[in-house]
N, C-alpha and C. Protein backbone atom coordinates (compact mmCIF):
# COMPACT_ATOMS: atom_id res chain seq x y z
N UNK A 1 132.71 181.34 111.22
CA UNK A 1 132.26 182.21 112.28
C UNK A 1 132.61 181.63 113.65
N UNK A 2 132.46 180.32 113.85
CA UNK A 2 132.74 179.71 115.15
C UNK A 2 134.23 179.58 115.41
N UNK A 3 135.06 179.83 114.42
CA UNK A 3 136.51 179.72 114.59
C UNK A 3 137.14 180.99 115.12
N UNK A 4 136.33 181.98 115.38
CA UNK A 4 136.82 183.25 115.92
C UNK A 4 136.91 183.18 117.44
N UNK A 5 138.09 183.37 118.00
CA UNK A 5 138.21 183.27 119.47
C UNK A 5 137.45 184.37 120.21
N UNK A 6 137.34 185.55 119.62
CA UNK A 6 136.65 186.64 120.31
C UNK A 6 135.17 186.32 120.50
N UNK A 7 134.60 185.53 119.58
CA UNK A 7 133.20 185.16 119.71
C UNK A 7 132.96 184.31 120.95
N UNK A 8 133.89 183.38 121.21
CA UNK A 8 133.78 182.54 122.41
C UNK A 8 134.00 183.36 123.67
N UNK A 9 134.90 184.34 123.60
CA UNK A 9 135.15 185.20 124.76
C UNK A 9 133.91 186.06 125.06
N UNK A 10 133.28 186.58 124.03
CA UNK A 10 132.07 187.39 124.22
C UNK A 10 130.94 186.52 124.76
N UNK A 11 130.83 185.29 124.25
CA UNK A 11 129.83 184.36 124.77
C UNK A 11 130.06 184.10 126.26
N UNK A 12 131.31 183.88 126.64
CA UNK A 12 131.63 183.67 128.06
C UNK A 12 131.32 184.88 128.90
N UNK A 13 131.61 186.06 128.39
CA UNK A 13 131.30 187.29 129.12
C UNK A 13 129.79 187.47 129.27
N UNK A 14 129.06 187.16 128.20
CA UNK A 14 127.60 187.26 128.26
C UNK A 14 127.01 186.29 129.27
N UNK A 15 127.54 185.07 129.31
CA UNK A 15 127.06 184.10 130.29
C UNK A 15 127.41 184.53 131.72
N UNK A 16 128.59 185.12 131.89
CA UNK A 16 128.98 185.61 133.21
C UNK A 16 128.08 186.76 133.65
N UNK A 17 127.70 187.63 132.72
CA UNK A 17 126.79 188.72 133.07
C UNK A 17 125.39 188.18 133.37
N UNK A 18 124.95 187.18 132.63
CA UNK A 18 123.64 186.57 132.90
C UNK A 18 123.65 185.85 134.24
N UNK A 19 124.81 185.37 134.65
CA UNK A 19 124.93 184.68 135.95
C UNK A 19 124.60 185.62 137.10
N UNK A 20 124.89 186.90 136.92
CA UNK A 20 124.60 187.87 137.98
C UNK A 20 123.11 188.03 138.21
N UNK A 21 122.30 187.68 137.23
CA UNK A 21 120.85 187.82 137.37
C UNK A 21 120.20 186.59 137.99
N UNK A 22 120.92 185.48 138.04
CA UNK A 22 120.38 184.23 138.57
C UNK A 22 120.86 184.00 140.00
N UNK A 23 120.03 183.40 140.84
CA UNK A 23 120.41 183.17 142.23
C UNK A 23 121.15 181.84 142.42
N UNK A 24 122.32 181.70 141.88
CA UNK A 24 123.08 180.46 142.05
C UNK A 24 124.19 180.39 141.02
N UNK A 25 124.94 179.29 141.05
CA UNK A 25 126.04 179.11 140.11
C UNK A 25 125.59 178.22 138.97
N UNK A 26 124.70 178.72 138.11
CA UNK A 26 124.19 177.91 137.01
C UNK A 26 124.99 178.12 135.73
N UNK A 27 125.33 179.33 135.40
CA UNK A 27 125.97 179.63 134.13
C UNK A 27 127.46 179.92 134.26
N UNK A 28 127.98 180.01 135.47
CA UNK A 28 129.37 180.40 135.65
C UNK A 28 130.33 179.35 135.09
N UNK A 29 130.00 178.08 135.24
CA UNK A 29 130.85 177.03 134.67
C UNK A 29 130.89 177.11 133.16
N UNK A 30 129.73 177.38 132.53
CA UNK A 30 129.70 177.54 131.08
C UNK A 30 130.48 178.78 130.64
N UNK A 31 130.42 179.83 131.44
CA UNK A 31 131.16 181.05 131.11
C UNK A 31 132.66 180.80 131.14
N UNK A 32 133.13 180.13 132.17
CA UNK A 32 134.56 179.81 132.27
C UNK A 32 134.96 178.87 131.14
N UNK A 33 134.11 177.90 130.82
CA UNK A 33 134.39 176.98 129.73
C UNK A 33 134.47 177.68 128.39
N UNK A 34 133.58 178.64 128.15
CA UNK A 34 133.59 179.38 126.88
C UNK A 34 134.84 180.24 126.75
N UNK A 35 135.23 180.90 127.83
CA UNK A 35 136.44 181.73 127.78
C UNK A 35 137.67 180.85 127.59
N UNK A 36 137.72 179.71 128.26
CA UNK A 36 138.86 178.80 128.10
C UNK A 36 138.89 178.22 126.69
N UNK A 37 137.73 177.92 126.12
CA UNK A 37 137.67 177.44 124.74
C UNK A 37 138.17 178.52 123.78
N UNK A 38 137.78 179.75 124.02
CA UNK A 38 138.29 180.86 123.20
C UNK A 38 139.79 180.99 123.29
N UNK A 39 140.34 180.78 124.49
CA UNK A 39 141.80 180.84 124.65
C UNK A 39 142.49 179.70 123.90
N UNK A 40 141.88 178.51 123.91
CA UNK A 40 142.46 177.38 123.17
C UNK A 40 142.37 177.60 121.67
N UNK A 41 141.30 178.23 121.20
CA UNK A 41 141.20 178.55 119.77
C UNK A 41 142.25 179.59 119.40
N UNK A 42 142.41 180.56 120.26
CA UNK A 42 143.39 181.62 120.03
C UNK A 42 144.81 181.04 119.95
N UNK A 43 145.07 180.04 120.77
CA UNK A 43 146.39 179.40 120.76
C UNK A 43 146.57 178.47 119.56
N UNK A 44 145.49 178.21 118.82
CA UNK A 44 145.59 177.36 117.65
C UNK A 44 145.46 175.88 117.95
N UNK A 45 144.99 175.52 119.13
CA UNK A 45 144.88 174.11 119.51
C UNK A 45 143.57 173.48 119.05
N UNK A 46 142.56 174.29 118.78
CA UNK A 46 141.26 173.79 118.32
C UNK A 46 140.95 174.39 116.97
N UNK A 47 140.57 173.52 116.00
CA UNK A 47 140.28 174.04 114.66
C UNK A 47 138.90 173.66 114.15
N UNK A 48 138.31 172.57 114.63
CA UNK A 48 137.02 172.14 114.12
C UNK A 48 135.92 172.40 115.15
N UNK A 49 134.70 172.57 114.66
CA UNK A 49 133.57 172.85 115.55
C UNK A 49 133.29 171.70 116.52
N UNK A 50 133.34 170.42 116.10
CA UNK A 50 133.12 169.35 117.08
C UNK A 50 134.16 169.35 118.20
N UNK A 51 135.41 169.65 117.86
CA UNK A 51 136.45 169.72 118.89
C UNK A 51 136.19 170.89 119.84
N UNK A 52 135.71 171.99 119.29
CA UNK A 52 135.41 173.16 120.13
C UNK A 52 134.26 172.87 121.08
N UNK A 53 133.22 172.19 120.59
CA UNK A 53 132.08 171.87 121.44
C UNK A 53 132.45 170.85 122.51
N UNK A 54 133.30 169.88 122.16
CA UNK A 54 133.76 168.91 123.17
C UNK A 54 134.61 169.59 124.22
N UNK A 55 135.47 170.52 123.78
CA UNK A 55 136.30 171.26 124.73
C UNK A 55 135.42 172.13 125.63
N UNK A 56 134.41 172.77 125.05
CA UNK A 56 133.48 173.58 125.85
C UNK A 56 132.79 172.73 126.91
N UNK A 57 132.32 171.56 126.51
CA UNK A 57 131.63 170.69 127.47
C UNK A 57 132.57 170.23 128.57
N UNK A 58 133.75 169.76 128.19
CA UNK A 58 134.69 169.25 129.18
C UNK A 58 135.18 170.35 130.11
N UNK A 59 135.53 171.50 129.56
CA UNK A 59 136.02 172.59 130.39
C UNK A 59 134.92 173.17 131.27
N UNK A 60 133.68 173.16 130.80
CA UNK A 60 132.57 173.65 131.62
C UNK A 60 132.32 172.74 132.81
N UNK A 61 132.39 171.44 132.58
CA UNK A 61 132.21 170.49 133.70
C UNK A 61 133.34 170.63 134.70
N UNK A 62 134.57 170.73 134.22
CA UNK A 62 135.71 170.90 135.13
C UNK A 62 135.60 172.21 135.91
N UNK A 63 135.20 173.29 135.24
CA UNK A 63 135.05 174.57 135.92
C UNK A 63 133.93 174.50 136.95
N UNK A 64 132.81 173.83 136.60
CA UNK A 64 131.70 173.72 137.53
C UNK A 64 132.12 172.93 138.77
N UNK A 65 132.84 171.83 138.56
CA UNK A 65 133.30 171.02 139.70
C UNK A 65 134.27 171.81 140.58
N UNK A 66 135.16 172.56 139.95
CA UNK A 66 136.10 173.38 140.73
C UNK A 66 135.38 174.47 141.50
N UNK A 67 134.42 175.13 140.85
CA UNK A 67 133.66 176.18 141.54
C UNK A 67 132.80 175.60 142.65
N UNK A 68 132.27 174.41 142.43
CA UNK A 68 131.46 173.75 143.46
C UNK A 68 132.32 173.43 144.68
N UNK A 69 133.55 173.01 144.43
CA UNK A 69 134.45 172.69 145.55
C UNK A 69 134.88 173.96 146.29
N UNK A 70 135.12 175.03 145.54
CA UNK A 70 135.59 176.27 146.16
C UNK A 70 134.47 177.02 146.87
N UNK A 71 133.34 177.21 146.18
CA UNK A 71 132.29 178.07 146.73
C UNK A 71 130.98 177.35 146.98
N UNK A 72 130.97 176.05 146.93
CA UNK A 72 129.72 175.30 147.06
C UNK A 72 129.33 175.06 148.50
N UNK A 73 128.35 174.23 148.66
CA UNK A 73 127.84 173.89 149.99
C UNK A 73 128.88 173.04 150.72
N UNK A 74 129.15 173.41 151.92
CA UNK A 74 130.11 172.66 152.72
C UNK A 74 129.43 171.46 153.36
N UNK A 75 130.20 170.45 153.67
CA UNK A 75 129.66 169.24 154.30
C UNK A 75 129.07 169.59 155.66
N UNK A 76 127.83 169.18 155.87
CA UNK A 76 127.18 169.43 157.14
C UNK A 76 126.53 170.80 157.25
N UNK A 77 126.65 171.62 156.21
CA UNK A 77 126.07 172.96 156.25
C UNK A 77 124.57 172.89 155.98
N UNK A 78 123.80 173.55 156.83
CA UNK A 78 122.36 173.59 156.69
C UNK A 78 121.86 175.00 156.94
N UNK A 79 120.77 175.32 156.30
CA UNK A 79 120.15 176.62 156.50
C UNK A 79 119.23 176.52 157.71
N UNK A 80 119.45 177.38 158.68
CA UNK A 80 118.64 177.39 159.89
C UNK A 80 117.84 178.69 159.90
N UNK A 81 116.53 178.55 159.99
CA UNK A 81 115.64 179.70 160.03
C UNK A 81 115.37 180.06 161.48
N UNK A 82 115.71 181.27 161.88
CA UNK A 82 115.51 181.71 163.25
C UNK A 82 114.17 182.42 163.42
N UNK A 83 113.66 182.94 162.33
CA UNK A 83 112.35 183.58 162.41
C UNK A 83 111.66 183.41 161.06
N UNK A 84 110.35 183.34 161.11
CA UNK A 84 109.54 183.12 159.93
C UNK A 84 109.18 184.46 159.29
N UNK A 85 108.95 184.46 158.00
CA UNK A 85 108.58 185.68 157.30
C UNK A 85 107.22 186.20 157.76
N UNK A 86 106.39 185.31 158.26
CA UNK A 86 105.05 185.70 158.70
C UNK A 86 105.01 186.16 160.16
N UNK A 87 106.10 186.03 160.90
CA UNK A 87 106.14 186.51 162.27
C UNK A 87 106.15 188.04 162.28
N UNK A 88 105.35 188.59 163.16
CA UNK A 88 105.28 190.06 163.25
C UNK A 88 105.87 190.53 164.54
């Protein structure tokens, strides 16, 4: 069952859809990692479950680091509040 590439693609799509419900980039790295793992299985480069899980972990970390660099907090960036929610 885990050797099916479409299963990993659907898992990645599900994680990407769940990411839309969360306020941050928590699941997007896992989603990219799952889709990339599915692509590697489809290409025939991964055949065993331990290799698939290691690839998922490594690709998820790389995707998270890349997304953090692209869309993350910039150096020196701070949130400045100009008015309080309780101000009327």
